């Protein structure tokens, strides 16, 4: 029996995926597509059998200068194009146009259906060049959270029914520590993240924390390295911005606790900013020395 594999590459603006099938069932086709065609119209992607295809009819945005309304228009089109595989949605655009999207789906959806739907949604929305990342949460009709995933333009989606030697393309479930409602404690969550060839797991975790507003939304990772048991994380100076309603401790330790759990070989996390040592974060948390996992800041269940 032939292996069934699905590889969906969400490429940058210059190259978008036109179709992708399971080898042995169909042919994979890739061609260059502009984000917008000459008439200023966008493509609407949808699952079709075991592949993702463009809808024959393109869509012209009614309010292309309004990002929030553009997202609303595309999501409305996607509900219909995807045959109501998600029945309702809510979303929020962050300060840096990181999109937090929650969709209501059927609980018994297969893995293939989930991957295909996520690819169709993100491929469609990433045609809006302002959107940097998409945090996609799936819930049941009763409001139960089924999954939470973070996608970037370079995300690689891979489904392999035999689970063989393609682990680096498979989603990885990791623990992250997001700010609690009080802004002073952290809440442990399990998040499914898709590793990419161009981004480390630490970068993807920082992207997730930024997308959720736990840390400053413009924060980026400059470099990641490890010296013996110390993980060295160099961040952009956006990290030093204030996060309204969050304590300095919750901001710093959301990062430390999250990256700490990625590897058993890490005992300490050292944070620098643009290659320089920062003595303290907002005159509260000492950054001149490596930090350890902080269990005291976790919200009690």
Foldseek 3Di string as FASTA:
>chain_A
DDWFKWKAWQAAQQWGAAKTGTPVPDDGDTDTDHLADPVRWHWQWEDDPQMIHTDPDTGHDPCLVDLVSSLVVNVVVNCVRHVNQFPDKDWDADPQRAIEIETEHAPPDDPSSVLRSVSRSCSRSVSSVSHAKYWYWYAYPVGHTDAIEIDGSRFMAMDIPVPPDPVLQYWDWFWFWAADPQQQFTEIDIHTYGHGPVDDPLQRNVCVNLSVLRFPVVKGWPDWDDDFQEIETEIEPSRLDDRPSHDPVSSVLSSQQRVQRPDPRHAWYAYHYPPHFDQARVVPHGRNDTDGHDPPRHDDD
